[in-house]
Amino acid sequence: MSSVLGAKGQLVIEKPIRDALGLGRGHLSVQRLVEDHIEIRFFPPEHDRSLQGILAPLVHRKLPPERWDEVRAAAWAKASGEVPPEDER
C-alpha cells in the first residue's frame, strides 16, 4: 500500500493497518527518525470505562475491613525486603 503525503504533511494510515493495530480516534502517535525511515508508535487514549472488578478473578481470599491496615503494612514490609518472602502473615 502507498499513500501520497498531503499539503500539510498529513499521511493516511490505511484501514487494514489501523484495524490490525486496533487504532482509533484519540490514539497518540509518537514519531521517531531511524536512519532513513520513520518509526511510529501508537498509544491508546485515556478511557472513562470502569475498571471495577477487573482484579476479582485474582482475589483468592476475603479480608475484613479492620485487617486492611495490618495486611497492607505487612505487604509493604515484604516488598521492601524488611521481611523475608517466605514469612507470610
N, C-alpha and C. Protein backbone atom coordinates (compact mmCIF):
# COMPACT_ATOMS: atom_id res chain seq x y z
N MET A 1 0.84 -1.18 0.00
CA MET A 1 0.00 0.00 0.00
C MET A 1 0.88 1.24 0.00
N SER A 2 0.41 2.26 -0.65
CA SER A 2 1.14 3.51 -0.65
C SER A 2 0.15 4.66 -0.52
N SER A 3 0.63 5.76 0.02
CA SER A 3 -0.18 6.96 0.17
C SER A 3 0.64 8.16 -0.27
N VAL A 4 -0.05 9.23 -0.62
CA VAL A 4 0.61 10.47 -1.01
C VAL A 4 0.56 11.41 0.18
N LEU A 5 1.68 12.03 0.49
CA LEU A 5 1.76 12.99 1.57
C LEU A 5 0.93 14.21 1.20
N GLY A 6 0.05 14.64 2.11
CA GLY A 6 -0.83 15.77 1.85
C GLY A 6 -0.09 17.10 1.94
N ALA A 7 -0.76 18.16 1.54
CA ALA A 7 -0.17 19.50 1.51
C ALA A 7 0.30 19.97 2.89
N LYS A 8 -0.35 19.51 3.95
CA LYS A 8 0.02 19.90 5.30
C LYS A 8 0.90 18.85 5.99
N GLY A 9 1.42 17.93 5.22
CA GLY A 9 2.29 16.89 5.79
C GLY A 9 1.53 15.73 6.39
N GLN A 10 0.25 15.64 6.11
CA GLN A 10 -0.57 14.57 6.66
C GLN A 10 -0.44 13.31 5.82
N LEU A 11 -0.49 12.18 6.51
CA LEU A 11 -0.39 10.89 5.85
C LEU A 11 -1.50 10.00 6.39
N VAL A 12 -2.19 9.30 5.52
CA VAL A 12 -3.28 8.42 5.93
C VAL A 12 -2.69 7.04 6.24
N ILE A 13 -3.06 6.52 7.41
CA ILE A 13 -2.68 5.15 7.75
C ILE A 13 -3.82 4.28 7.24
N GLU A 14 -3.51 3.38 6.36
CA GLU A 14 -4.53 2.56 5.70
C GLU A 14 -5.38 1.78 6.70
N LYS A 15 -6.65 1.60 6.38
CA LYS A 15 -7.59 0.94 7.27
C LYS A 15 -7.16 -0.45 7.71
N PRO A 16 -6.66 -1.31 6.84
CA PRO A 16 -6.23 -2.64 7.31
C PRO A 16 -5.14 -2.55 8.39
N ILE A 17 -4.27 -1.56 8.27
CA ILE A 17 -3.21 -1.39 9.28
C ILE A 17 -3.82 -0.87 10.58
N ARG A 18 -4.72 0.10 10.48
CA ARG A 18 -5.39 0.62 11.69
C ARG A 18 -6.16 -0.49 12.39
N ASP A 19 -6.84 -1.30 11.61
CA ASP A 19 -7.62 -2.40 12.20
C ASP A 19 -6.70 -3.43 12.86
N ALA A 20 -5.62 -3.77 12.20
CA ALA A 20 -4.68 -4.77 12.75
C ALA A 20 -4.06 -4.30 14.05
N LEU A 21 -3.82 -2.98 14.16
CA LEU A 21 -3.20 -2.43 15.37
C LEU A 21 -4.22 -1.98 16.41
N GLY A 22 -5.50 -2.04 16.05
CA GLY A 22 -6.54 -1.62 16.97
C GLY A 22 -6.55 -0.11 17.20
N LEU A 23 -6.16 0.64 16.18
CA LEU A 23 -6.08 2.09 16.30
C LEU A 23 -7.44 2.73 16.09
N GLY A 24 -7.66 3.81 16.79
CA GLY A 24 -8.91 4.54 16.64
C GLY A 24 -8.72 5.99 17.01
N ARG A 25 -9.80 6.71 16.97
CA ARG A 25 -9.80 8.14 17.29
C ARG A 25 -9.18 8.37 18.68
N GLY A 26 -8.29 9.33 18.75
CA GLY A 26 -7.70 9.70 20.03
C GLY A 26 -6.38 9.03 20.36
N HIS A 27 -5.97 8.02 19.58
CA HIS A 27 -4.67 7.40 19.83
C HIS A 27 -3.56 8.43 19.61
N LEU A 28 -2.57 8.40 20.47
CA LEU A 28 -1.43 9.31 20.36
C LEU A 28 -0.35 8.64 19.52
N SER A 29 0.21 9.36 18.56
CA SER A 29 1.30 8.80 17.76
C SER A 29 2.60 9.48 18.15
N VAL A 30 3.63 8.67 18.31
CA VAL A 30 4.97 9.18 18.61
C VAL A 30 5.85 8.78 17.44
N GLN A 31 6.46 9.77 16.81
CA GLN A 31 7.27 9.53 15.61
C GLN A 31 8.74 9.70 15.94
N ARG A 32 9.55 8.84 15.32
CA ARG A 32 10.99 8.90 15.56
C ARG A 32 11.71 8.60 14.25
N LEU A 33 12.71 9.42 13.97
CA LEU A 33 13.52 9.21 12.77
C LEU A 33 14.56 8.14 13.07
N VAL A 34 14.57 7.08 12.29
CA VAL A 34 15.52 5.98 12.44
C VAL A 34 16.25 5.83 11.10
N GLU A 35 17.49 6.29 11.08
CA GLU A 35 18.31 6.30 9.86
C GLU A 35 17.54 6.93 8.70
N ASP A 36 17.05 6.11 7.76
CA ASP A 36 16.39 6.67 6.58
C ASP A 36 14.87 6.44 6.56
N HIS A 37 14.29 6.11 7.73
CA HIS A 37 12.84 5.90 7.76
C HIS A 37 12.26 6.41 9.08
N ILE A 38 10.95 6.44 9.15
CA ILE A 38 10.24 6.90 10.34
C ILE A 38 9.63 5.71 11.06
N GLU A 39 9.79 5.69 12.37
CA GLU A 39 9.15 4.68 13.21
C GLU A 39 8.02 5.40 13.94
N ILE A 40 6.83 4.83 13.87
CA ILE A 40 5.67 5.44 14.53
C ILE A 40 5.11 4.43 15.53
N ARG A 41 4.94 4.87 16.75
CA ARG A 41 4.32 4.04 17.79
C ARG A 41 3.04 4.73 18.23
N PHE A 42 2.03 3.94 18.52
CA PHE A 42 0.73 4.47 18.93
C PHE A 42 0.42 4.07 20.37
N PHE A 43 -0.17 5.01 21.08
CA PHE A 43 -0.57 4.78 22.45
C PHE A 43 -2.05 5.11 22.60
N PRO A 44 -2.80 4.25 23.28
CA PRO A 44 -4.25 4.46 23.37
C PRO A 44 -4.59 5.68 24.23
N PRO A 45 -5.74 6.27 23.95
CA PRO A 45 -6.17 7.42 24.76
C PRO A 45 -6.63 6.94 26.13
N GLU A 46 -6.70 7.89 27.08
CA GLU A 46 -7.26 7.55 28.38
C GLU A 46 -8.73 7.20 28.17
N HIS A 47 -9.26 6.38 29.05
CA HIS A 47 -10.66 5.99 28.91
C HIS A 47 -11.41 6.31 30.19
N ASP A 48 -12.70 6.28 30.12
CA ASP A 48 -13.53 6.54 31.29
C ASP A 48 -14.36 5.33 31.66
N ARG A 49 -13.96 4.17 31.15
CA ARG A 49 -14.67 2.94 31.48
C ARG A 49 -14.29 2.51 32.90
N SER A 50 -15.17 1.90 33.58
CA SER A 50 -14.91 1.44 34.94
C SER A 50 -14.00 0.22 34.92
N LEU A 51 -13.06 0.20 35.84
CA LEU A 51 -12.19 -0.96 36.00
C LEU A 51 -12.59 -1.78 37.22
N GLN A 52 -13.73 -1.41 37.80
CA GLN A 52 -14.20 -2.11 38.98
C GLN A 52 -14.38 -3.59 38.67
N GLY A 53 -13.81 -4.43 39.49
CA GLY A 53 -13.95 -5.86 39.35
C GLY A 53 -12.94 -6.52 38.44
N ILE A 54 -12.05 -5.74 37.84
CA ILE A 54 -11.10 -6.32 36.89
C ILE A 54 -10.13 -7.30 37.56
N LEU A 55 -9.86 -7.10 38.85
CA LEU A 55 -8.93 -7.99 39.56
C LEU A 55 -9.65 -9.09 40.33
N ALA A 56 -10.97 -9.11 40.30
CA ALA A 56 -11.73 -10.10 41.05
C ALA A 56 -11.28 -11.54 40.81
N PRO A 57 -10.97 -11.95 39.58
CA PRO A 57 -10.53 -13.34 39.38
C PRO A 57 -9.20 -13.67 40.07
N LEU A 58 -8.43 -12.64 40.44
CA LEU A 58 -7.14 -12.88 41.07
C LEU A 58 -7.20 -12.87 42.59
N VAL A 59 -8.36 -12.53 43.15
CA VAL A 59 -8.51 -12.48 44.61
C VAL A 59 -8.85 -13.88 45.10
N HIS A 60 -8.02 -14.37 46.01
CA HIS A 60 -8.21 -15.74 46.49
C HIS A 60 -8.76 -15.81 47.91
N ARG A 61 -8.84 -14.66 48.56
CA ARG A 61 -9.39 -14.66 49.92
C ARG A 61 -10.04 -13.32 50.20
N LYS A 62 -11.00 -13.35 51.07
CA LYS A 62 -11.68 -12.13 51.51
C LYS A 62 -11.00 -11.65 52.78
N LEU A 63 -10.99 -10.35 52.96
CA LEU A 63 -10.33 -9.76 54.11
C LEU A 63 -11.29 -8.78 54.77
N PRO A 64 -11.50 -8.92 56.08
CA PRO A 64 -12.38 -7.97 56.75
C PRO A 64 -11.75 -6.57 56.75
N PRO A 65 -12.54 -5.53 56.62
CA PRO A 65 -12.01 -4.16 56.53
C PRO A 65 -11.07 -3.78 57.67
N GLU A 66 -11.31 -4.27 58.86
CA GLU A 66 -10.47 -3.90 60.00
C GLU A 66 -9.05 -4.48 59.92
N ARG A 67 -8.79 -5.42 59.02
CA ARG A 67 -7.45 -6.01 58.89
C ARG A 67 -6.64 -5.39 57.74
N TRP A 68 -7.26 -4.47 56.95
CA TRP A 68 -6.58 -3.90 55.79
C TRP A 68 -5.27 -3.22 56.16
N ASP A 69 -5.25 -2.41 57.19
CA ASP A 69 -4.02 -1.70 57.58
C ASP A 69 -2.91 -2.68 57.94
N GLU A 70 -3.25 -3.70 58.68
CA GLU A 70 -2.26 -4.72 59.08
C GLU A 70 -1.67 -5.44 57.87
N VAL A 71 -2.53 -5.88 56.97
CA VAL A 71 -2.08 -6.62 55.79
C VAL A 71 -1.31 -5.71 54.84
N ARG A 72 -1.75 -4.46 54.70
CA ARG A 72 -1.05 -3.50 53.84
C ARG A 72 0.37 -3.25 54.37
N ALA A 73 0.52 -3.07 55.69
CA ALA A 73 1.83 -2.86 56.29
C ALA A 73 2.73 -4.08 56.08
N ALA A 74 2.17 -5.27 56.22
CA ALA A 74 2.95 -6.50 56.02
C ALA A 74 3.39 -6.61 54.55
N ALA A 75 2.52 -6.24 53.62
CA ALA A 75 2.86 -6.31 52.20
C ALA A 75 3.98 -5.33 51.86
N TRP A 76 3.92 -4.10 52.41
CA TRP A 76 4.98 -3.12 52.19
C TRP A 76 6.30 -3.61 52.78
N ALA A 77 6.26 -4.21 53.96
CA ALA A 77 7.48 -4.73 54.59
C ALA A 77 8.08 -5.83 53.74
N LYS A 78 7.24 -6.70 53.23
CA LYS A 78 7.72 -7.80 52.37
C LYS A 78 8.31 -7.25 51.07
N ALA A 79 7.63 -6.28 50.44
CA ALA A 79 8.10 -5.71 49.18
C ALA A 79 9.40 -4.93 49.35
N SER A 80 9.59 -4.32 50.51
CA SER A 80 10.80 -3.53 50.74
C SER A 80 11.98 -4.38 51.21
N GLY A 81 11.73 -5.65 51.46
CA GLY A 81 12.81 -6.54 51.89
C GLY A 81 13.01 -6.56 53.39
N GLU A 82 12.15 -5.89 54.14
CA GLU A 82 12.27 -5.89 55.59
C GLU A 82 11.89 -7.24 56.18
N VAL A 83 11.06 -7.98 55.47
CA VAL A 83 10.61 -9.29 55.93
C VAL A 83 10.98 -10.30 54.84
N PRO A 84 11.56 -11.44 55.19
CA PRO A 84 11.86 -12.45 54.17
C PRO A 84 10.59 -12.89 53.44
N PRO A 85 10.67 -13.15 52.13
CA PRO A 85 9.49 -13.51 51.33
C PRO A 85 8.70 -14.70 51.85
N GLU A 86 9.37 -15.67 52.51
CA GLU A 86 8.66 -16.86 52.97
C GLU A 86 7.84 -16.61 54.25
N ASP A 87 8.02 -15.44 54.88
CA ASP A 87 7.28 -15.09 56.07
C ASP A 87 5.93 -14.50 55.69
N GLU A 88 4.92 -15.36 55.49
CA GLU A 88 3.58 -14.91 55.12
C GLU A 88 2.79 -14.62 56.37
N ARG A 89 2.01 -13.54 56.35
CA ARG A 89 1.19 -13.20 57.51
C ARG A 89 -0.25 -13.46 57.20
